[in-house]
């Protein structure tokens, strides 16, 4: 176990049981979600990647996309 994870667990252990359970539930859900994405990426075929690329290029050409800076503006 990493030092950072040990520090986090030590802090969590100081919390009331209901808060510990809430954090644990979020952590487990995040791990499960991460595993699903990992499986999805590793099982995606080259043809599927090519299809997705073609779809994105069509959306860009049709002006159906929004600049990332408009969605997540940089703070100045």
PDB file of N, CA and C in Angstrom:
ATOM      1  N   UNK A   1       0.855  -1.171   0.000  1.00  0.00           N
ATOM      2  CA  UNK A   1       0.000   0.000   0.000  1.00  0.00           C
ATOM      3  C   UNK A   1       0.896   1.227   0.000  1.00  0.00           C
ATOM      4  N   UNK A   2       0.524   2.228  -0.787  1.00  0.00           N
ATOM      5  CA  UNK A   2       1.349   3.426  -0.862  1.00  0.00           C
ATOM      6  C   UNK A   2       1.191   4.281   0.395  1.00  0.00           C
ATOM      7  N   UNK A   3       2.156   5.144   0.598  1.00  0.00           N
ATOM      8  CA  UNK A   3       2.119   6.040   1.752  1.00  0.00           C
ATOM      9  C   UNK A   3       0.913   6.977   1.677  1.00  0.00           C
ATOM     10  N   UNK A   4       0.623   7.448   0.475  1.00  0.00           N
ATOM     11  CA  UNK A   4      -0.503   8.365   0.321  1.00  0.00           C
ATOM     12  C   UNK A   4      -1.824   7.676   0.676  1.00  0.00           C
ATOM     13  N   UNK A   5      -1.988   6.440   0.220  1.00  0.00           N
ATOM     14  CA  UNK A   5      -3.205   5.700   0.544  1.00  0.00           C
ATOM     15  C   UNK A   5      -3.287   5.435   2.041  1.00  0.00           C
ATOM     16  N   UNK A   6      -2.163   5.128   2.663  1.00  0.00           N
ATOM     17  CA  UNK A   6      -2.145   4.931   4.116  1.00  0.00           C
ATOM     18  C   UNK A   6      -2.573   6.202   4.846  1.00  0.00           C
ATOM     19  N   UNK A   7      -2.114   7.356   4.366  1.00  0.00           N
ATOM     20  CA  UNK A   7      -2.496   8.633   4.984  1.00  0.00           C
ATOM     21  C   UNK A   7      -3.994   8.872   4.836  1.00  0.00           C
ATOM     22  N   UNK A   8      -4.514   8.580   3.660  1.00  0.00           N
ATOM     23  CA  UNK A   8      -5.938   8.778   3.424  1.00  0.00           C
ATOM     24  C   UNK A   8      -6.766   7.877   4.329  1.00  0.00           C
ATOM     25  N   UNK A   9      -6.378   6.622   4.434  1.00  0.00           N
ATOM     26  CA  UNK A   9      -7.116   5.684   5.280  1.00  0.00           C
ATOM     27  C   UNK A   9      -7.044   6.107   6.745  1.00  0.00           C
ATOM     28  N   UNK A  10      -5.888   6.581   7.167  1.00  0.00           N
ATOM     29  CA  UNK A  10      -5.748   7.051   8.553  1.00  0.00           C
ATOM     30  C   UNK A  10      -6.710   8.198   8.827  1.00  0.00           C
ATOM     31  N   UNK A  11      -6.865   9.097   7.876  1.00  0.00           N
ATOM     32  CA  UNK A  11      -7.794  10.220   8.047  1.00  0.00           C
ATOM     33  C   UNK A  11      -9.242   9.737   8.041  1.00  0.00           C
ATOM     34  N   UNK A  12      -9.541   8.816   7.155  1.00  0.00           N
ATOM     35  CA  UNK A  12     -10.902   8.285   7.059  1.00  0.00           C
ATOM     36  C   UNK A  12     -11.280   7.562   8.346  1.00  0.00           C
ATOM     37  N   UNK A  13     -10.339   6.844   8.962  1.00  0.00           N
ATOM     38  CA  UNK A  13     -10.611   6.112  10.193  1.00  0.00           C
ATOM     39  C   UNK A  13     -11.027   7.023  11.347  1.00  0.00           C
ATOM     40  N   UNK A  14     -10.693   8.293  11.256  1.00  0.00           N
ATOM     41  CA  UNK A  14     -11.048   9.264  12.304  1.00  0.00           C
ATOM     42  C   UNK A  14     -12.499   9.733  12.181  1.00  0.00           C
ATOM     43  N   UNK A  15     -13.118   9.440  11.054  1.00  0.00           N
ATOM     44  CA  UNK A  15     -14.483   9.900  10.804  1.00  0.00           C
ATOM     45  C   UNK A  15     -15.509   8.959  11.433  1.00  0.00           C
ATOM     46  N   UNK A  16     -16.723   9.453  11.626  1.00  0.00           N
ATOM     47  CA  UNK A  16     -17.791   8.583  12.123  1.00  0.00           C
ATOM     48  C   UNK A  16     -18.073   7.467  11.110  1.00  0.00           C
ATOM     49  N   UNK A  17     -18.584   6.331  11.597  1.00  0.00           N
ATOM     50  CA  UNK A  17     -18.824   5.183  10.719  1.00  0.00           C
ATOM     51  C   UNK A  17     -19.663   5.499   9.477  1.00  0.00           C
ATOM     52  N   UNK A  18     -20.688   6.327   9.599  1.00  0.00           N
ATOM     53  CA  UNK A  18     -21.523   6.615   8.425  1.00  0.00           C
ATOM     54  C   UNK A  18     -20.744   7.363   7.354  1.00  0.00           C
ATOM     55  N   UNK A  19     -19.850   8.247   7.767  1.00  0.00           N
ATOM     56  CA  UNK A  19     -19.017   8.955   6.789  1.00  0.00           C
ATOM     57  C   UNK A  19     -17.977   8.018   6.184  1.00  0.00           C
ATOM     58  N   UNK A  20     -17.430   7.118   6.995  1.00  0.00           N
ATOM     59  CA  UNK A  20     -16.490   6.131   6.472  1.00  0.00           C
ATOM     60  C   UNK A  20     -17.171   5.274   5.407  1.00  0.00           C
ATOM     61  N   UNK A  21     -18.405   4.838   5.696  1.00  0.00           N
ATOM     62  CA  UNK A  21     -19.140   4.016   4.738  1.00  0.00           C
ATOM     63  C   UNK A  21     -19.442   4.780   3.456  1.00  0.00           C
ATOM     64  N   UNK A  22     -19.763   6.054   3.588  1.00  0.00           N
ATOM     65  CA  UNK A  22     -20.058   6.867   2.402  1.00  0.00           C
ATOM     66  C   UNK A  22     -18.813   6.983   1.522  1.00  0.00           C
ATOM     67  N   UNK A  23     -17.679   7.225   2.138  1.00  0.00           N
ATOM     68  CA  UNK A  23     -16.425   7.331   1.374  1.00  0.00           C
ATOM     69  C   UNK A  23     -16.078   5.985   0.749  1.00  0.00           C
ATOM     70  N   UNK A  24     -16.233   4.915   1.506  1.00  0.00           N
ATOM     71  CA  UNK A  24     -15.937   3.576   0.988  1.00  0.00           C
ATOM     72  C   UNK A  24     -16.836   3.246  -0.198  1.00  0.00           C
ATOM     73  N   UNK A  25     -18.117   3.593  -0.104  1.00  0.00           N
ATOM     74  CA  UNK A  25     -19.045   3.319  -1.205  1.00  0.00           C
ATOM     75  C   UNK A  25     -18.634   4.083  -2.455  1.00  0.00           C
ATOM     76  N   UNK A  26     -18.244   5.344  -2.300  1.00  0.00           N
ATOM     77  CA  UNK A  26     -17.801   6.133  -3.453  1.00  0.00           C
ATOM     78  C   UNK A  26     -16.528   5.559  -4.044  1.00  0.00           C
ATOM     79  N   UNK A  27     -15.614   5.150  -3.192  1.00  0.00           N
ATOM     80  CA  UNK A  27     -14.351   4.579  -3.634  1.00  0.00           C
ATOM     81  C   UNK A  27     -14.587   3.285  -4.406  1.00  0.00           C
ATOM     82  N   UNK A  28     -15.430   2.407  -3.870  1.00  0.00           N
ATOM     83  CA  UNK A  28     -15.723   1.140  -4.544  1.00  0.00           C
ATOM     84  C   UNK A  28     -16.440   1.368  -5.875  1.00  0.00           C
ATOM     85  N   UNK A  29     -17.348   2.332  -5.920  1.00  0.00           N
ATOM     86  CA  UNK A  29     -18.042   2.645  -7.170  1.00  0.00           C
ATOM     87  C   UNK A  29     -17.056   3.167  -8.211  1.00  0.00           C
ATOM     88  N   UNK A  30     -16.124   3.979  -7.768  1.00  0.00           N
ATOM     89  CA  UNK A  30     -15.100   4.513  -8.683  1.00  0.00           C
ATOM     90  C   UNK A  30     -14.229   3.386  -9.226  1.00  0.00           C
ATOM     91  N   UNK A  31     -13.837   2.467  -8.373  1.00  0.00           N
ATOM     92  CA  UNK A  31     -13.030   1.324  -8.819  1.00  0.00           C
ATOM     93  C   UNK A  31     -13.794   0.473  -9.826  1.00  0.00           C
ATOM     94  N   UNK A  32     -15.070   0.229  -9.553  1.00  0.00           N
ATOM     95  CA  UNK A  32     -15.887  -0.563 -10.468  1.00  0.00           C
ATOM     96  C   UNK A  32     -16.026   0.143 -11.818  1.00  0.00           C
ATOM     97  N   UNK A  33     -16.249   1.448 -11.785  1.00  0.00           N
ATOM     98  CA  UNK A  33     -16.361   2.215 -13.020  1.00  0.00           C
ATOM     99  C   UNK A  33     -15.059   2.168 -13.806  1.00  0.00           C
ATOM    100  N   UNK A  34     -13.948   2.291 -13.106  1.00  0.00           N
ATOM    101  CA  UNK A  34     -12.634   2.247 -13.752  1.00  0.00           C
ATOM    102  C   UNK A  34     -12.408   0.893 -14.414  1.00  0.00           C
ATOM    103  N   UNK A  35     -12.827  -0.177 -13.746  1.00  0.00           N
ATOM    104  CA  UNK A  35     -12.677  -1.519 -14.311  1.00  0.00           C
ATOM    105  C   UNK A  35     -13.532  -1.681 -15.570  1.00  0.00           C
ATOM    106  N   UNK A  36     -14.731  -1.121 -15.562  1.00  0.00           N
ATOM    107  CA  UNK A  36     -15.593  -1.198 -16.744  1.00  0.00           C
ATOM    108  C   UNK A  36     -14.954  -0.479 -17.929  1.00  0.00           C
ATOM    109  N   UNK A  37     -14.407   0.726 -17.674  1.00  0.00           N
ATOM    110  CA  UNK A  37     -13.759   1.475 -18.753  1.00  0.00           C
ATOM    111  C   UNK A  37     -12.535   0.729 -19.278  1.00  0.00           C
ATOM    112  N   UNK A  38     -11.751   0.156 -18.364  1.00  0.00           N
ATOM    113  CA  UNK A  38     -10.562  -0.595 -18.772  1.00  0.00           C
ATOM    114  C   UNK A  38     -10.953  -1.755 -19.677  1.00  0.00           C
ATOM    115  N   UNK A  39     -11.987  -2.482 -19.292  1.00  0.00           N
ATOM    116  CA  UNK A  39     -12.475  -3.602 -20.102  1.00  0.00           C
ATOM    117  C   UNK A  39     -12.954  -3.106 -21.454  1.00  0.00           C
ATOM    118  N   UNK A  40     -13.678  -2.003 -21.440  1.00  0.00           N
ATOM    119  CA  UNK A  40     -14.226  -1.457 -22.685  1.00  0.00           C
ATOM    120  C   UNK A  40     -13.109  -1.066 -23.651  1.00  0.00           C
ATOM    121  N   UNK A  41     -12.087  -0.387 -23.130  1.00  0.00           N
ATOM    122  CA  UNK A  41     -10.986   0.044 -23.995  1.00  0.00           C
ATOM    123  C   UNK A  41     -10.182  -1.137 -24.521  1.00  0.00           C
ATOM    124  N   UNK A  42      -9.933  -2.113 -23.665  1.00  0.00           N
ATOM    125  CA  UNK A  42      -9.096  -3.231 -24.105  1.00  0.00           C
ATOM    126  C   UNK A  42      -9.816  -4.173 -25.058  1.00  0.00           C
ATOM    127  N   UNK A  43     -11.147  -4.142 -25.067  1.00  0.00           N
ATOM    128  CA  UNK A  43     -11.895  -5.031 -25.957  1.00  0.00           C
ATOM    129  C   UNK A  43     -12.389  -4.328 -27.223  1.00  0.00           C
ATOM    130  N   UNK A  44     -12.092  -3.044 -27.356  1.00  0.00           N
ATOM    131  CA  UNK A  44     -12.492  -2.309 -28.554  1.00  0.00           C
ATOM    132  C   UNK A  44     -11.597  -2.735 -29.718  1.00  0.00           C
ATOM    133  N   UNK A  45     -12.232  -3.086 -30.821  1.00  0.00           N
ATOM    134  CA  UNK A  45     -11.473  -3.557 -31.986  1.00  0.00           C
ATOM    135  C   UNK A  45     -10.983  -2.379 -32.816  1.00  0.00           C
ATOM    136  N   UNK A  46     -10.036  -2.655 -33.700  1.00  0.00           N
ATOM    137  CA  UNK A  46      -9.530  -1.618 -34.600  1.00  0.00           C
ATOM    138  C   UNK A  46     -10.664  -1.070 -35.476  1.00  0.00           C
ATOM    139  N   UNK A  47     -11.546  -1.949 -35.943  1.00  0.00           N
ATOM    140  CA  UNK A  47     -12.683  -1.507 -36.752  1.00  0.00           C
ATOM    141  C   UNK A  47     -13.583  -0.556 -35.966  1.00  0.00           C
ATOM    142  N   UNK A  48     -13.803  -0.857 -34.696  1.00  0.00           N
ATOM    143  CA  UNK A  48     -14.624   0.036 -33.869  1.00  0.00           C
ATOM    144  C   UNK A  48     -13.949   1.394 -33.690  1.00  0.00           C
ATOM    145  N   UNK A  49     -12.621   1.379 -33.449  1.00  0.00           N
ATOM    146  CA  UNK A  49     -11.901   2.654 -33.341  1.00  0.00           C
ATOM    147  C   UNK A  49     -12.000   3.440 -34.658  1.00  0.00           C
ATOM    148  N   UNK A  50     -11.869   2.738 -35.780  1.00  0.00           N
ATOM    149  CA  UNK A  50     -11.964   3.393 -37.083  1.00  0.00           C
ATOM    150  C   UNK A  50     -13.349   3.995 -37.294  1.00  0.00           C
ATOM    151  N   UNK A  51     -14.391   3.267 -36.894  1.00  0.00           N
ATOM    152  CA  UNK A  51     -15.761   3.781 -37.013  1.00  0.00           C
ATOM    153  C   UNK A  51     -15.936   5.031 -36.172  1.00  0.00           C
ATOM    154  N   UNK A  52     -15.430   4.987 -34.945  1.00  0.00           N
ATOM    155  CA  UNK A  52     -15.559   6.143 -34.059  1.00  0.00           C
ATOM    156  C   UNK A  52     -14.820   7.341 -34.639  1.00  0.00           C
ATOM    157  N   UNK A  53     -13.641   7.105 -35.182  1.00  0.00           N
ATOM    158  CA  UNK A  53     -12.864   8.180 -35.793  1.00  0.00           C
ATOM    159  C   UNK A  53     -13.625   8.801 -36.948  1.00  0.00           C
ATOM    160  N   UNK A  54     -14.220   7.972 -37.783  1.00  0.00           N
ATOM    161  CA  UNK A  54     -14.991   8.481 -38.924  1.00  0.00           C
ATOM    162  C   UNK A  54     -16.187   9.302 -38.455  1.00  0.00           C
ATOM    163  N   UNK A  55     -16.858   8.842 -37.418  1.00  0.00           N
ATOM    164  CA  UNK A  55     -18.007   9.582 -36.891  1.00  0.00           C
ATOM    165  C   UNK A  55     -17.593  10.950 -36.354  1.00  0.00           C
ATOM    166  N   UNK A  56     -16.488  10.987 -35.635  1.00  0.00           N
ATOM    167  CA  UNK A  56     -16.005  12.257 -35.088  1.00  0.00           C
ATOM    168  C   UNK A  56     -15.623  13.207 -36.214  1.00  0.00           C
ATOM    169  N   UNK A  57     -14.950  12.693 -37.225  1.00  0.00           N
ATOM    170  CA  UNK A  57     -14.560  13.544 -38.348  1.00  0.00           C
ATOM    171  C   UNK A  57     -15.782  14.105 -39.065  1.00  0.00           C
ATOM    172  N   UNK A  58     -16.837  13.298 -39.204  1.00  0.00           N
ATOM    173  CA  UNK A  58     -18.081  13.782 -39.823  1.00  0.00           C
ATOM    174  C   UNK A  58     -18.703  14.891 -38.984  1.00  0.00           C
ATOM    175  N   UNK A  59     -18.730  14.710 -37.670  1.00  0.00           N
ATOM    176  CA  UNK A  59     -19.299  15.731 -36.790  1.00  0.00           C
ATOM    177  C   UNK A  59     -18.507  17.029 -36.866  1.00  0.00           C
ATOM    178  N   UNK A  60     -17.197  16.923 -36.919  1.00  0.00           N
ATOM    179  CA  UNK A  60     -16.358  18.120 -37.039  1.00  0.00           C
ATOM    180  C   UNK A  60     -16.633  18.815 -38.356  1.00  0.00           C
ATOM    181  N   UNK A  61     -16.661  18.059 -39.454  1.00  0.00           N
ATOM    182  CA  UNK A  61     -16.896  18.627 -40.779  1.00  0.00           C
ATOM    183  C   UNK A  61     -18.275  19.284 -40.869  1.00  0.00           C
ATOM    184  N   UNK A  62     -19.253  18.733 -40.160  1.00  0.00           N
ATOM    185  CA  UNK A  62     -20.618  19.266 -40.202  1.00  0.00           C
ATOM    186  C   UNK A  62     -20.812  20.416 -39.212  1.00  0.00           C
ATOM    187  N   UNK A  63     -19.778  20.752 -38.468  1.00  0.00           N
ATOM    188  CA  UNK A  63     -19.888  21.847 -37.504  1.00  0.00           C
ATOM    189  C   UNK A  63     -20.718  21.476 -36.288  1.00  0.00           C
ATOM    190  N   UNK A  64     -20.782  20.194 -35.970  1.00  0.00           N
ATOM    191  CA  UNK A  64     -21.604  19.727 -34.857  1.00  0.00           C
ATOM    192  C   UNK A  64     -20.825  19.606 -33.549  1.00  0.00           C
ATOM    193  N   UNK A  65     -19.637  20.141 -33.531  1.00  0.00           N
ATOM    194  CA  UNK A  65     -18.822  20.045 -32.327  1.00  0.00           C
ATOM    195  C   UNK A  65     -18.649  21.422 -31.705  1.00  0.00           C
ATOM    196  N   UNK A  66     -18.214  21.432 -30.469  1.00  0.00           N
ATOM    197  CA  UNK A  66     -17.958  22.669 -29.738  1.00  0.00           C
ATOM    198  C   UNK A  66     -16.503  22.629 -29.295  1.00  0.00           C
ATOM    199  N   UNK A  67     -15.842  23.765 -29.373  1.00  0.00           N
ATOM    200  CA  UNK A  67     -14.451  23.821 -28.928  1.00  0.00           C
ATOM    201  C   UNK A  67     -14.357  23.477 -27.451  1.00  0.00           C
ATOM    202  N   UNK A  68     -13.335  22.741 -27.097  1.00  0.00           N
ATOM    203  CA  UNK A  68     -13.142  22.346 -25.716  1.00  0.00           C
ATOM    204  C   UNK A  68     -13.034  23.560 -24.795  1.00  0.00           C
ATOM    205  N   UNK A  69     -12.425  24.640 -25.282  1.00  0.00           N
ATOM    206  CA  UNK A  69     -12.307  25.859 -24.482  1.00  0.00           C
ATOM    207  C   UNK A  69     -13.673  26.489 -24.185  1.00  0.00           C
ATOM    208  N   UNK A  70     -14.664  26.217 -25.016  1.00  0.00           N
ATOM    209  CA  UNK A  70     -15.999  26.734 -24.744  1.00  0.00           C
ATOM    210  C   UNK A  70     -16.688  25.909 -23.661  1.00  0.00           C
ATOM    211  N   UNK A  71     -16.379  24.642 -23.618  1.00  0.00           N
ATOM    212  CA  UNK A  71     -16.979  23.758 -22.610  1.00  0.00           C
ATOM    213  C   UNK A  71     -16.263  23.952 -21.268  1.00  0.00           C
ATOM    214  N   UNK A  72     -14.929  24.016 -21.322  1.00  0.00           N
ATOM    215  CA  UNK A  72     -14.115  24.183 -20.134  1.00  0.00           C
ATOM    216  C   UNK A  72     -13.208  25.406 -20.321  1.00  0.00           C
ATOM    217  N   UNK A  73     -13.762  26.592 -20.119  1.00  0.00           N
ATOM    218  CA  UNK A  73     -12.942  27.802 -20.337  1.00  0.00           C
ATOM    219  C   UNK A  73     -11.761  27.854 -19.362  1.00  0.00           C
ATOM    220  N   UNK A  74     -10.644  28.316 -19.894  1.00  0.00           N
ATOM    221  CA  UNK A  74      -9.469  28.468 -19.052  1.00  0.00           C
ATOM    222  C   UNK A  74      -9.645  29.687 -18.165  1.00  0.00           C
ATOM    223  N   UNK A  75      -9.177  29.556 -16.944  1.00  0.00           N
ATOM    224  CA  UNK A  75      -9.285  30.681 -16.008  1.00  0.00           C
ATOM    225  C   UNK A  75      -8.088  31.588 -16.192  1.00  0.00           C
ATOM    226  N   UNK A  76      -8.361  32.862 -16.257  1.00  0.00           N
ATOM    227  CA  UNK A  76      -7.282  33.833 -16.459  1.00  0.00           C
ATOM    228  C   UNK A  76      -7.222  34.803 -15.320  1.00  0.00           C
TER     229      UNK A  76
END
